[in-house]
């Protein structure tokens, strides 16, 4: 008997007779939970994102207010975003040098996950634009419609079937060194602001928190 055969024989003896136990399959699946919009906003704030929950018909004025408070003068928006979102924004394709000079970028999203506070961008969609658009500028304002929010990751994966180029965003870009010193803006925007267009909630307070 070779050394290999001896080792395998010992493994078989240690395992004992019989079939392996069944693998549990009762994990969470898509469509099994309700969407919690308040939880989504809470998770975003946990990541230090700025959040404004507003009625759907107030999105344009809320975007304008957020950009004004930011002091953003040079704004780039994804080409497919509605014209009323930042009417003066550049929507034609721009290079990295122009993005570096931009004060803000405005996009939509493909899907958002309430449980994790994650926003997923589809870079083949015209209202989200190429990946550089949302990685180079220091400030990213993203509009999330209530119907785009799903309960958990399985729901998001199901909805993203066929989407080729994705970025999953959980708060502003941040990293930590070996001493756990947090540094923001290293791999993407330092500031993430999220406007949630809700059919249920009635507006925002002065600090952009939902009432």
Protein backbone atom coordinates (compact mmCIF):
# COMPACT_ATOMS: atom_id res chain seq x y z
CA UNK A 1 0.00 0.00 0.00
CA UNK A 2 1.34 3.39 -0.99
CA UNK A 3 1.51 6.32 1.43
CA UNK A 4 -1.36 7.95 -0.50
CA UNK A 5 -3.56 4.88 -0.19
CA UNK A 6 -2.80 4.67 3.52
CA UNK A 7 -3.77 8.29 4.11
CA UNK A 8 -7.02 7.92 2.17
CA UNK A 9 -7.84 4.73 4.04
CA UNK A 10 -7.41 6.53 7.35
CA UNK A 11 -9.69 9.32 6.16
CA UNK A 12 -12.36 6.81 5.16
CA UNK A 13 -12.13 5.05 8.53
CA UNK A 14 -12.37 8.36 10.37
CA UNK A 15 -15.45 9.38 8.42
CA UNK A 16 -17.21 6.12 9.14
CA UNK A 17 -19.88 4.41 7.02
CA UNK A 18 -22.90 6.00 5.43
CA UNK A 19 -23.76 8.88 3.13
CA UNK A 20 -22.77 12.50 3.79
CA UNK A 21 -25.43 14.56 5.57
CA UNK A 22 -27.77 16.65 3.39
CA UNK A 23 -26.78 20.21 2.64
CA UNK A 24 -29.23 22.75 4.13
CA UNK A 25 -31.10 24.62 1.43
CA UNK A 26 -33.34 26.83 3.56
CA UNK A 27 -31.32 30.01 3.06
CA UNK A 28 -32.94 33.25 2.01
CA UNK A 29 -34.22 33.42 -1.54
CA UNK A 30 -35.40 36.25 -3.75
CA UNK A 31 -38.94 37.41 -3.15
CA UNK A 32 -39.28 36.06 0.39
CA UNK A 33 -39.14 39.36 2.34
CA UNK A 34 -40.76 42.76 2.29
CA UNK A 35 -38.79 45.87 1.36
CA UNK A 36 -38.02 48.20 4.27
CA UNK A 37 -37.29 51.66 2.87
CA UNK A 38 -36.53 53.10 6.32
CA UNK A 39 -33.93 50.37 6.86
CA UNK A 40 -32.29 51.27 3.54
CA UNK A 41 -31.99 54.92 4.61
CA UNK A 42 -30.64 53.87 8.02
CA UNK A 43 -27.98 51.63 6.48
CA UNK A 44 -26.89 54.43 4.16
CA UNK A 45 -26.44 56.77 7.12
CA UNK A 46 -24.45 54.07 8.91
CA UNK A 47 -22.01 54.28 5.99
CA UNK A 48 -21.84 58.09 6.43
CA UNK A 49 -23.78 58.76 3.26
CA UNK A 50 -26.08 61.79 3.13
CA UNK A 51 -29.70 60.82 2.67
CA UNK A 52 -32.78 62.76 1.57
CA UNK A 53 -36.12 60.96 1.36
CA UNK A 54 -38.59 62.99 -0.69
CA UNK A 55 -41.80 62.53 -2.69
CA UNK A 56 -41.17 61.48 -6.26
CA UNK A 57 -42.39 64.81 -7.62
CA UNK A 58 -39.76 66.69 -5.60
CA UNK A 59 -36.68 64.94 -6.92
CA UNK A 60 -35.60 67.72 -9.28
CA UNK A 61 -35.84 70.47 -6.68
CA UNK A 62 -34.09 68.28 -4.11
CA UNK A 63 -31.21 67.57 -6.49
CA UNK A 64 -30.91 71.32 -7.14
CA UNK A 65 -30.96 72.04 -3.40
CA UNK A 66 -28.28 69.43 -2.67
CA UNK A 67 -25.99 70.76 -5.42
CA UNK A 68 -26.52 74.32 -4.22
CA UNK A 69 -25.65 73.38 -0.63
CA UNK A 70 -22.57 71.59 -1.92
CA UNK A 71 -21.52 74.70 -3.82
CA UNK A 72 -21.23 72.65 -7.01
CA UNK A 73 -20.76 74.80 -10.09
CA UNK A 74 -19.30 72.29 -12.53
CA UNK A 75 -21.71 69.36 -12.63
CA UNK A 76 -21.61 66.29 -14.87
CA UNK A 77 -24.71 64.11 -15.19
CA UNK A 78 -25.09 60.73 -16.83
CA UNK A 79 -26.43 61.29 -20.37
CA UNK A 80 -29.71 59.47 -19.73
CA UNK A 81 -30.71 61.26 -16.55
CA UNK A 82 -33.88 63.39 -16.81
CA UNK A 83 -33.10 66.94 -17.99
CA UNK A 84 -34.85 68.41 -14.94
CA UNK A 85 -32.19 66.87 -12.72
CA UNK A 86 -29.46 69.54 -12.85
CA UNK A 87 -30.51 71.26 -16.12
CA UNK A 88 -27.16 73.07 -16.42
CA UNK A 89 -25.10 69.89 -16.04
CA UNK A 90 -22.91 68.54 -18.82
CA UNK A 91 -24.45 65.38 -20.26
CA UNK A 92 -22.17 64.76 -23.21
CA UNK A 93 -19.27 62.29 -22.80
CA UNK A 94 -16.32 63.79 -20.93
CA UNK A 95 -12.78 62.62 -20.28
CA UNK A 96 -11.07 61.87 -17.00
CA UNK A 97 -9.44 65.31 -16.89
CA UNK A 98 -12.87 66.98 -17.04
CA UNK A 99 -14.21 64.60 -14.38
CA UNK A 100 -11.34 65.50 -12.08
CA UNK A 101 -12.35 69.16 -12.36
CA UNK A 102 -16.05 68.47 -11.81
CA UNK A 103 -17.59 69.50 -8.50
CA UNK A 104 -20.30 66.83 -8.66
CA UNK A 105 -21.73 63.98 -10.68
CA UNK A 106 -25.42 63.03 -10.82
CA UNK A 107 -26.71 59.58 -11.79
CA UNK A 108 -29.53 57.14 -11.31
CA UNK A 109 -29.03 53.52 -10.28
CA UNK A 110 -30.16 50.03 -11.32
CA UNK A 111 -31.10 48.56 -7.95
CA UNK A 112 -30.58 49.23 -4.23
CA UNK A 113 -30.50 46.79 -1.31
CA UNK A 114 -32.30 47.72 1.90
CA UNK A 115 -30.61 45.15 4.12
CA UNK A 116 -27.07 46.24 3.27
CA UNK A 117 -27.54 49.86 2.22
CA UNK A 118 -25.92 49.04 -1.11
CA UNK A 119 -26.55 50.81 -4.42
CA UNK A 120 -25.78 48.96 -7.65
CA UNK A 121 -24.89 50.86 -10.80
CA UNK A 122 -25.34 49.45 -14.30
CA UNK A 123 -22.67 51.09 -16.44
CA UNK A 124 -24.36 50.11 -19.68
CA UNK A 125 -27.47 52.08 -18.68
CA UNK A 126 -27.63 55.67 -20.02
CA UNK A 127 -28.77 57.16 -16.70
CA UNK A 128 -25.72 55.74 -14.89
CA UNK A 129 -22.95 56.19 -17.43
CA UNK A 130 -19.46 54.68 -17.65
CA UNK A 131 -17.65 53.57 -14.51
CA UNK A 132 -15.21 56.52 -14.48
CA UNK A 133 -18.16 58.90 -14.18
CA UNK A 134 -18.90 57.67 -10.66
CA UNK A 135 -15.35 56.98 -9.50
CA UNK A 136 -13.37 60.10 -10.39
CA UNK A 137 -15.41 63.05 -9.02
CA UNK A 138 -15.26 63.71 -5.27
CA UNK A 139 -19.04 64.02 -4.88
CA UNK A 140 -21.63 61.60 -6.23
CA UNK A 141 -25.34 62.31 -6.02
CA UNK A 142 -27.48 59.31 -6.93
CA UNK A 143 -31.25 59.18 -7.22
CA UNK A 144 -32.90 55.96 -6.09
CA UNK A 145 -36.57 55.36 -6.90
CA UNK A 146 -38.58 53.48 -4.29
CA UNK A 147 -39.42 50.70 -6.73
CA UNK A 148 -35.69 50.10 -7.29
CA UNK A 149 -35.13 49.13 -3.65
CA UNK A 150 -35.19 45.39 -2.90
CA UNK A 151 -35.08 43.59 0.43
CA UNK A 152 -31.80 41.68 0.22
CA UNK A 153 -28.87 40.54 -1.87
CA UNK A 154 -30.70 37.54 -3.42
CA UNK A 155 -33.38 39.93 -4.72
CA UNK A 156 -30.71 42.20 -6.20
CA UNK A 157 -28.88 39.33 -7.88
CA UNK A 158 -32.14 38.16 -9.45
CA UNK A 159 -32.91 41.64 -10.74
CA UNK A 160 -29.37 42.08 -12.09
CA UNK A 161 -29.51 39.01 -14.35
CA UNK A 162 -27.93 39.94 -17.66
CA UNK A 163 -26.33 43.17 -16.40
CA UNK A 164 -22.71 42.94 -17.49
CA UNK A 165 -20.89 45.94 -15.99
CA UNK A 166 -21.77 46.66 -12.37
CA UNK A 167 -20.46 48.65 -9.43
CA UNK A 168 -21.78 47.89 -5.95
CA UNK A 169 -21.58 51.00 -3.76
CA UNK A 170 -21.93 50.88 0.01
CA UNK A 171 -21.35 54.44 1.20
CA UNK A 172 -18.55 56.84 0.29
CA UNK A 173 -15.25 55.34 -0.80
CA UNK A 174 -13.18 54.56 2.30
CA UNK A 175 -10.23 52.49 3.44
CA UNK A 176 -8.26 52.01 6.65
CA UNK A 177 -4.55 51.57 7.29
CA UNK A 178 -3.00 49.06 9.69
CA UNK A 179 -3.83 51.37 12.61
CA UNK A 180 -7.49 51.49 11.51
CA UNK A 181 -7.31 55.16 10.59
CA UNK A 182 -10.22 55.73 8.18
CA UNK A 183 -9.41 57.60 4.97
CA UNK A 184 -12.23 58.55 2.60
CA UNK A 185 -12.09 59.26 -1.11
CA UNK A 186 -9.16 56.99 -1.99
CA UNK A 187 -10.91 54.70 -4.48
CA UNK A 188 -13.91 56.82 -5.40
CA UNK A 189 -16.09 59.73 -4.25
CA UNK A 190 -15.40 61.11 -0.79
CA UNK A 191 -19.05 62.13 -0.46
CA UNK A 192 -22.09 60.06 -1.43
CA UNK A 193 -25.49 61.75 -1.34
CA UNK A 194 -28.61 59.70 -1.98
CA UNK A 195 -31.99 61.11 -2.93
CA UNK A 196 -34.67 58.48 -2.35
CA UNK A 197 -37.83 59.14 -4.35
CA UNK A 198 -40.61 57.72 -2.21
CA UNK A 199 -44.32 57.34 -2.90
CA UNK A 200 -45.05 57.12 0.83
CA UNK A 201 -42.88 59.56 2.79
CA UNK A 202 -43.71 63.21 3.02
CA UNK A 203 -40.51 65.15 2.69
CA UNK A 204 -37.19 66.03 4.30
CA UNK A 205 -36.10 68.16 7.17
CA UNK A 206 -33.38 70.77 6.94
CA UNK A 207 -30.63 68.20 7.41
CA UNK A 208 -31.90 65.93 4.69
CA UNK A 209 -33.28 63.29 7.05
CA UNK A 210 -36.67 61.76 6.40
CA UNK A 211 -39.59 62.89 8.51
